[in-house]
Amino acid sequence: CVTIPSQLLRIVLIGKTGVGKSAFKSHPSASSVTKVCEKQHAFLNRQVFVIDTPGILDTEKTPEEIKKEIVKCIQMSSPGPHAFLLVLQLGRFTREEQNAVKALQEIFGKESTYYMIVVFTRASELQGQTIESYVQSGHEKLRELIRSCGARYVVLDNTRSQNRVQVQKLIGKIDEVVAANGGACYTEEMYKEAEAVLQSQTLDRVVAELQEYKFSFVESLLQKIMIFQAKLKEEP
């Protein structure tokens, strides 16, 4: 799937419920962010498909629910998204969010970072501070995330979601991703490959944990035998 800047774009929104993904909606009657949706929008005379993944980073969802949403999002964006927009709210980058983002990167695989843009919402909370200084002075894990995404990030003001300048800046950033990837999109094959790697890593971890448990158990058993033998020697 090759796209040039003047053509249609397919983007996937990823973020916790309530972080401000509604800023991407073109009109008030658009579907609620609490449901999986696919809406075609016209931004600056560009046709853009926006696929929302409601609460994919919400930790109260079960792994099976999250997997189903991810598979559905890949299918809905067929033949594949040109960019993933990881939507984060300005403020404290919590451990919960850090773990969720790490898991997300593992699920989609290393290839996904080439298509990812971090989008901060609620720009008004910067209170005069630039987004650049916010990132530089922010949590190390946040800076690490930004670096892994090729230092691609933007900030949006939710109260001005239809502002032409900020929409143009976001589309421009997406075009940069498209150009950097030679017009290619993230494919279902990439996801399946990442899933296979993750399953292999998970299996390796389980085996390692079992081996550690086995060795710990054997070591403990040997210690008990030694203590028992010592007591036998002490007895008259």
Protein backbone atom coordinates (compact mmCIF):
# COMPACT_ATOMS: atom_id res chain seq x y z
CA CYS A 1 0.00 0.00 0.00
CA VAL A 2 1.81 3.08 -1.23
CA THR A 3 0.45 6.58 -0.70
CA ILE A 4 1.64 9.97 -1.86
CA PRO A 5 0.87 13.12 0.20
CA SER A 6 -2.10 14.20 -1.95
CA GLN A 7 -3.89 10.86 -1.50
CA LEU A 8 -6.03 9.28 1.21
CA LEU A 9 -4.55 8.66 4.66
CA ARG A 10 -5.48 6.02 7.22
CA ILE A 11 -4.57 6.77 10.82
CA VAL A 12 -5.19 4.85 14.05
CA LEU A 13 -5.83 6.64 17.34
CA ILE A 14 -4.44 4.95 20.43
CA GLY A 15 -4.96 6.23 23.95
CA LYS A 16 -6.76 5.83 27.24
CA THR A 17 -10.41 6.80 27.46
CA GLY A 18 -10.71 10.46 28.40
CA VAL A 19 -7.31 11.68 27.17
CA GLY A 20 -8.88 13.95 24.57
CA LYS A 21 -9.17 11.83 21.43
CA SER A 22 -12.46 13.59 20.67
CA ALA A 23 -10.32 16.49 19.46
CA PHE A 24 -9.87 14.51 16.23
CA LYS A 25 -13.58 14.48 15.40
CA SER A 26 -14.73 16.70 12.57
CA HIS A 27 -18.21 17.41 13.95
CA PRO A 28 -20.23 16.98 17.17
CA SER A 29 -22.34 14.13 15.77
CA ALA A 30 -19.37 11.84 15.20
CA SER A 31 -19.50 8.45 16.93
CA SER A 32 -18.58 8.27 20.60
CA VAL A 33 -14.98 7.39 21.47
CA THR A 34 -16.36 4.62 23.65
CA LYS A 35 -17.10 2.55 20.54
CA VAL A 36 -14.89 1.23 17.76
CA CYS A 37 -15.53 3.52 14.83
CA GLU A 38 -14.32 4.37 11.39
CA LYS A 39 -15.06 7.86 10.13
CA GLN A 40 -13.96 9.50 6.92
CA HIS A 41 -12.96 13.11 7.47
CA ALA A 42 -11.91 15.87 5.13
CA PHE A 43 -8.97 17.81 6.59
CA LEU A 44 -7.63 20.62 4.41
CA ASN A 45 -9.07 18.92 1.31
CA ARG A 46 -7.47 15.61 2.30
CA GLN A 47 -9.44 12.41 2.76
CA VAL A 48 -8.42 10.91 6.10
CA PHE A 49 -9.80 7.72 7.64
CA VAL A 50 -9.60 7.85 11.43
CA ILE A 51 -9.87 4.51 13.22
CA ASP A 52 -10.40 4.86 16.95
CA THR A 53 -9.30 2.18 19.40
CA PRO A 54 -11.32 2.96 22.53
CA GLY A 55 -9.45 2.46 25.76
CA ILE A 56 -6.82 0.19 24.24
CA LEU A 57 -4.44 1.40 26.97
CA ASP A 58 -7.02 1.06 29.74
CA THR A 59 -5.61 -1.41 32.26
CA GLU A 60 -9.07 -2.59 33.38
CA LYS A 61 -9.53 -4.35 30.04
CA THR A 62 -8.57 -8.00 29.85
CA PRO A 63 -5.71 -9.07 27.54
CA GLU A 64 -8.23 -10.90 25.36
CA GLU A 65 -10.40 -7.77 24.99
CA ILE A 66 -7.37 -5.69 24.07
CA LYS A 67 -6.19 -8.26 21.52
CA LYS A 68 -9.64 -8.32 19.87
CA GLU A 69 -9.65 -4.51 19.59
CA ILE A 70 -6.15 -4.50 18.09
CA VAL A 71 -7.00 -7.15 15.50
CA LYS A 72 -10.20 -5.27 14.62
CA CYS A 73 -8.31 -2.00 14.25
CA ILE A 74 -5.81 -3.60 11.85
CA GLN A 75 -8.65 -5.10 9.81
CA MET A 76 -10.59 -1.83 9.71
CA SER A 77 -7.55 0.08 8.49
CA SER A 78 -6.85 -2.45 5.71
CA PRO A 79 -4.56 -2.60 3.82
CA GLY A 80 -2.92 -0.90 6.83
CA PRO A 81 -2.56 2.43 8.67
CA HIS A 82 -0.09 5.04 7.49
CA ALA A 83 0.37 6.30 11.05
CA PHE A 84 -0.40 5.47 14.66
CA LEU A 85 -1.25 8.50 16.79
CA LEU A 86 -0.41 7.73 20.41
CA VAL A 87 -2.56 10.22 22.30
CA LEU A 88 -1.36 11.28 25.75
CA GLN A 89 -2.71 13.95 28.05
CA LEU A 90 -0.26 16.58 29.25
CA GLY A 91 0.68 15.96 32.85
CA ARG A 92 2.27 13.20 34.85
CA PHE A 93 3.37 10.19 32.76
CA THR A 94 2.21 7.53 35.20
CA ARG A 95 3.76 4.09 35.69
CA GLU A 96 0.44 2.62 34.54
CA GLU A 97 0.71 4.51 31.25
CA GLN A 98 4.39 3.59 30.89
CA ASN A 99 3.61 -0.11 31.26
CA ALA A 100 0.66 0.14 28.88
CA VAL A 101 2.73 1.91 26.21
CA LYS A 102 5.54 -0.65 26.58
CA ALA A 103 3.05 -3.49 26.18
CA LEU A 104 1.56 -1.75 23.15
CA GLN A 105 4.96 -1.48 21.47
CA GLU A 106 5.58 -5.17 22.17
CA ILE A 107 2.22 -6.10 20.67
CA PHE A 108 2.65 -4.08 17.47
CA GLY A 109 6.37 -4.80 17.22
CA LYS A 110 9.44 -2.68 16.53
CA GLU A 111 8.19 -1.84 13.02
CA SER A 112 5.29 0.14 14.51
CA THR A 113 7.64 2.80 15.93
CA TYR A 114 8.41 3.89 12.37
CA TYR A 115 4.74 4.81 11.98
CA MET A 116 4.10 6.31 15.41
CA ILE A 117 3.54 9.94 16.39
CA VAL A 118 2.99 11.05 19.99
CA VAL A 119 0.13 13.54 20.23
CA PHE A 120 -0.25 15.54 23.44
CA THR A 121 -3.69 16.98 24.16
CA ARG A 122 -4.87 19.87 26.37
CA ALA A 123 -2.20 22.30 25.20
CA SER A 124 -3.68 24.98 27.48
CA GLU A 125 -2.06 23.19 30.44
CA LEU A 126 1.38 24.18 29.16
CA GLN A 127 0.66 27.66 30.55
CA GLY A 128 3.18 29.43 28.34
CA GLN A 129 5.76 26.63 28.39
CA THR A 130 6.79 25.29 24.98
CA ILE A 131 6.08 21.65 24.18
CA GLU A 132 9.81 21.20 23.50
CA SER A 133 10.80 22.30 27.01
CA TYR A 134 7.96 20.20 28.46
CA VAL A 135 9.38 17.09 26.80
CA GLN A 136 13.00 17.92 27.70
CA SER A 137 12.15 18.47 31.36
CA GLY A 138 9.68 15.60 31.51
CA HIS A 139 9.95 12.04 32.78
CA GLU A 140 12.88 10.03 31.41
CA LYS A 141 10.47 7.31 30.26
CA LEU A 142 8.54 9.93 28.30
CA ARG A 143 11.72 11.15 26.58
CA GLU A 144 12.61 7.52 25.87
CA LEU A 145 9.19 7.02 24.26
CA ILE A 146 9.64 10.16 22.14
CA ARG A 147 13.07 8.98 20.99
CA SER A 148 11.70 5.55 20.05
CA CYS A 149 9.15 7.31 17.82
CA GLY A 150 11.85 9.23 15.96
CA ALA A 151 11.23 12.40 18.02
CA ARG A 152 7.87 12.87 16.28
CA TYR A 153 5.35 14.66 18.49
CA VAL A 154 2.79 17.45 18.33
CA VAL A 155 0.48 19.15 20.81
CA LEU A 156 -3.21 19.94 20.25
CA ASP A 157 -5.56 22.32 21.99
CA ASN A 158 -8.83 20.44 22.50
CA THR A 159 -10.78 23.69 22.70
CA ARG A 160 -9.61 24.60 19.19
CA SER A 161 -9.86 21.22 17.45
CA GLN A 162 -10.95 22.83 14.17
CA ASN A 163 -8.07 25.34 14.16
CA ARG A 164 -6.58 25.18 10.66
CA VAL A 165 -2.98 25.73 11.78
CA GLN A 166 -2.82 22.88 14.29
CA VAL A 167 -4.68 20.49 11.97
CA GLN A 168 -2.27 21.40 9.17
CA LYS A 169 0.69 20.78 11.48
CA LEU A 170 -0.64 17.34 12.42
CA ILE A 171 -1.30 16.34 8.80
CA GLY A 172 2.18 17.60 7.91
CA LYS A 173 3.69 15.38 10.60
CA ILE A 174 1.74 12.39 9.24
CA ASP A 175 2.99 13.18 5.73
CA GLU A 176 6.55 13.13 7.12
CA VAL A 177 5.94 9.60 8.40
CA VAL A 178 4.48 8.53 5.05
CA ALA A 179 7.45 10.00 3.17
CA ALA A 180 10.00 8.46 5.57
CA ASN A 181 8.41 5.04 4.99
CA GLY A 182 8.41 5.45 1.22
CA GLY A 183 4.63 5.71 1.14
CA ALA A 184 4.25 2.25 2.66
CA CYS A 185 1.86 1.53 5.52
CA TYR A 186 1.99 -0.76 8.55
CA THR A 187 0.64 -4.09 7.34
CA GLU A 188 -1.19 -7.02 8.87
CA GLU A 189 1.87 -9.15 8.06
CA MET A 190 3.98 -6.90 10.32
CA TYR A 191 1.46 -7.38 13.12
CA LYS A 192 1.45 -11.17 12.69
CA GLU A 193 5.25 -11.19 12.73
CA ALA A 194 5.26 -9.11 15.93
CA GLU A 195 2.67 -11.44 17.46
CA ALA A 196 4.83 -14.48 16.66
CA VAL A 197 7.88 -12.82 18.24
CA LEU A 198 5.87 -11.85 21.32
CA GLN A 199 4.52 -15.38 21.73
CA SER A 200 8.06 -16.75 21.44
CA GLN A 201 9.36 -14.25 24.01
CA THR A 202 6.46 -15.05 26.33
CA LEU A 203 7.21 -18.76 26.03
CA ASP A 204 10.89 -18.10 26.74
CA ARG A 205 9.95 -16.07 29.83
CA VAL A 206 7.65 -18.82 31.10
CA VAL A 207 10.35 -21.47 30.59
CA ALA A 208 12.92 -19.26 32.34
CA GLU A 209 10.55 -18.69 35.26
CA LEU A 210 9.85 -22.41 35.53
CA GLN A 211 13.56 -23.19 35.45
CA GLU A 212 14.22 -20.57 38.11
CA TYR A 213 11.45 -22.05 40.22
CA LYS A 214 12.82 -25.56 39.69
CA PHE A 215 16.36 -24.54 40.68
CA SER A 216 15.09 -22.61 43.69
CA PHE A 217 13.02 -25.61 44.76
CA VAL A 218 15.94 -28.04 44.35
CA GLU A 219 18.30 -25.70 46.19
CA SER A 220 15.81 -25.34 49.03
CA LEU A 221 15.33 -29.11 49.15
CA LEU A 222 19.09 -29.73 49.30
CA GLN A 223 19.44 -27.22 52.14
CA LYS A 224 16.69 -29.00 54.08
CA ILE A 225 18.40 -32.37 53.50
CA MET A 226 21.72 -30.94 54.74
CA ILE A 227 20.05 -29.55 57.87
CA PHE A 228 18.32 -32.89 58.46
CA GLN A 229 21.63 -34.76 58.03
CA ALA A 230 23.35 -32.37 60.44
CA LYS A 231 20.66 -32.99 63.04
CA LEU A 232 21.05 -36.74 62.63
CA LYS A 233 24.78 -36.42 63.33
CA GLU A 234 24.05 -34.40 66.46
CA GLU A 235 21.77 -37.10 67.85
CA PRO A 236 23.48 -39.59 70.26
